[in-house]
Amino acid sequence: MSPRNRLLAARIAFFLYLAAVVWLCFGHFDGMPDVQRSFWGIPIDKIVHFLMFFPFPILAFLAFDGYSAKPWLSVLGTVATFAAGILLAVGTEVGQARLTTYRSGDVNDFKADLLALGISSLIVLLINFRKLRK
């Protein structure tokens, strides 16, 4: 696959990912069967939030051709991606609280989102630094 096609595929994947996040955050899922409430003492909805936001930095990095020739640009890009992820997380929680009657904003959901964004951003930064050293 050519680099141009790879970049286009990454951008399409990122767009589809964002659409899925919006659908998951604002969907009305009353007809779903009851599931286990926790896993190893962690509430399932917090695990779902973590898993939902973990791919954001990775997909953003790929979609915007994140590899940089300079370490400081890599750090700046990672911080910008992390900040964009925070805006998405805040937007979903505020949107759930203010725009829906069937969802509520939860600060603990936001904390799970932040944890996922932070870990994933760190992984992206470390991978980019490793690529720079080669």
Protein backbone atom coordinates (compact mmCIF):
# COMPACT_ATOMS: atom_id res chain seq x y z
CA MET A 1 0.00 0.00 0.00
CA SER A 2 1.37 3.39 -0.92
CA PRO A 3 2.02 5.96 1.82
CA ARG A 4 -0.77 8.14 0.46
CA ASN A 5 -3.29 5.28 0.57
CA ARG A 6 -2.10 4.30 4.04
CA LEU A 7 -2.68 7.86 5.26
CA LEU A 8 -6.14 7.92 3.67
CA ALA A 9 -7.02 4.59 5.31
CA ALA A 10 -5.80 5.89 8.69
CA ARG A 11 -7.93 9.03 8.32
CA ILE A 12 -11.00 7.00 7.41
CA ALA A 13 -10.39 4.72 10.41
CA PHE A 14 -10.04 7.78 12.67
CA PHE A 15 -13.29 9.27 11.35
CA LEU A 16 -15.12 5.95 11.85
CA TYR A 17 -13.66 5.69 15.35
CA LEU A 18 -14.94 9.19 16.24
CA ALA A 19 -18.38 8.30 14.88
CA ALA A 20 -18.39 5.13 17.01
CA VAL A 21 -17.43 7.10 20.14
CA VAL A 22 -20.28 9.55 19.56
CA TRP A 23 -22.70 6.68 18.94
CA LEU A 24 -21.58 4.85 22.09
CA CYS A 25 -21.73 7.99 24.22
CA PHE A 26 -25.10 9.24 23.00
CA GLY A 27 -26.88 6.06 21.96
CA HIS A 28 -30.02 4.96 23.74
CA PHE A 29 -29.39 1.37 24.85
CA ASP A 30 -32.34 0.56 27.11
CA GLY A 31 -33.16 -2.73 25.40
CA MET A 32 -29.75 -4.24 26.13
CA PRO A 33 -29.56 -7.23 28.48
CA ASP A 34 -28.14 -6.70 31.95
CA VAL A 35 -24.43 -7.39 32.23
CA GLN A 36 -22.06 -7.91 35.09
CA ARG A 37 -21.65 -4.63 36.99
CA SER A 38 -17.93 -4.93 37.74
CA PHE A 39 -14.80 -6.79 36.71
CA TRP A 40 -12.17 -7.32 39.42
CA GLY A 41 -13.89 -4.60 41.41
CA ILE A 42 -13.75 -2.05 38.57
CA PRO A 43 -17.15 -0.87 37.29
CA ILE A 44 -17.75 -2.14 33.74
CA ASP A 45 -18.75 1.29 32.46
CA LYS A 46 -15.34 2.68 33.52
CA ILE A 47 -13.61 -0.15 31.64
CA VAL A 48 -15.74 0.65 28.59
CA HIS A 49 -14.75 4.32 28.83
CA PHE A 50 -11.09 3.36 29.10
CA LEU A 51 -11.31 1.07 26.08
CA MET A 52 -13.28 3.66 24.13
CA PHE A 53 -10.68 6.42 24.54
CA PHE A 54 -7.48 4.34 24.45
CA PRO A 55 -7.32 4.24 20.61
CA PHE A 56 -7.71 8.02 20.20
CA PRO A 57 -4.00 9.02 20.37
CA ILE A 58 -2.90 6.05 18.28
CA LEU A 59 -5.43 6.66 15.53
CA ALA A 60 -4.84 10.42 15.59
CA PHE A 61 -1.10 9.83 15.35
CA LEU A 62 -1.57 7.61 12.30
CA ALA A 63 -4.24 9.82 10.69
CA PHE A 64 -2.13 12.95 10.88
CA ASP A 65 1.15 11.31 9.91
CA GLY A 66 2.54 11.75 13.40
CA TYR A 67 6.15 10.69 12.92
CA SER A 68 8.37 13.69 13.32
CA ALA A 69 12.05 14.21 12.61
CA LYS A 70 12.54 16.27 15.78
CA PRO A 71 11.85 15.13 19.35
CA TRP A 72 10.34 18.43 20.45
CA LEU A 73 7.83 18.29 17.58
CA SER A 74 6.93 14.76 18.62
CA VAL A 75 6.29 15.93 22.19
CA LEU A 76 4.27 18.90 20.94
CA GLY A 77 2.19 16.66 18.67
CA THR A 78 1.56 14.21 21.48
CA VAL A 79 0.50 16.99 23.86
CA ALA A 80 -1.81 18.45 21.18
CA THR A 81 -3.35 15.02 20.56
CA PHE A 82 -3.81 14.48 24.30
CA ALA A 83 -5.49 17.91 24.57
CA ALA A 84 -7.81 17.09 21.65
CA GLY A 85 -8.71 13.82 23.38
CA ILE A 86 -9.50 15.72 26.57
CA LEU A 87 -11.79 18.04 24.61
CA LEU A 88 -13.58 15.02 23.14
CA ALA A 89 -13.93 13.46 26.62
CA VAL A 90 -15.25 16.70 28.13
CA GLY A 91 -17.60 17.17 25.18
CA THR A 92 -19.09 13.71 25.57
CA GLU A 93 -19.62 14.04 29.32
CA VAL A 94 -21.07 17.55 29.14
CA GLY A 95 -23.18 16.52 26.16
CA GLN A 96 -24.53 13.52 28.01
CA ALA A 97 -25.39 15.67 31.03
CA ARG A 98 -26.94 18.57 29.14
CA LEU A 99 -28.28 17.21 25.86
CA THR A 100 -29.84 13.91 26.91
CA THR A 101 -32.40 12.82 29.45
CA TYR A 102 -31.30 9.18 29.37
CA ARG A 103 -27.58 9.72 30.11
CA SER A 104 -25.68 11.58 32.79
CA GLY A 105 -22.23 13.12 32.86
CA ASP A 106 -19.93 11.41 35.33
CA VAL A 107 -16.59 12.73 36.56
CA ASN A 108 -15.40 9.15 37.08
CA ASP A 109 -16.08 8.38 33.41
CA PHE A 110 -13.94 11.40 32.57
CA LYS A 111 -11.17 10.09 34.84
CA ALA A 112 -11.25 6.74 32.99
CA ASP A 113 -11.06 8.64 29.68
CA LEU A 114 -8.07 10.65 30.93
CA LEU A 115 -6.27 7.54 32.11
CA ALA A 116 -6.72 5.89 28.72
CA LEU A 117 -5.63 9.02 26.85
CA GLY A 118 -2.57 9.44 29.07
CA ILE A 119 -1.36 5.84 28.75
CA SER A 120 -2.00 5.71 25.02
CA SER A 121 -0.32 9.09 24.45
CA LEU A 122 2.73 7.92 26.36
CA ILE A 123 2.89 4.76 24.24
CA VAL A 124 2.67 6.82 21.04
CA LEU A 125 5.41 9.15 22.24
CA LEU A 126 7.71 6.25 23.17
CA ILE A 127 7.15 4.58 19.80
CA ASN A 128 7.92 7.83 18.01
CA PHE A 129 11.09 8.37 20.05
CA ARG A 130 12.19 4.84 19.25
CA LYS A 131 11.63 5.48 15.54
CA LEU A 132 13.66 8.70 15.82
CA ARG A 133 16.64 6.84 17.30
CA LYS A 134 16.79 4.41 14.36
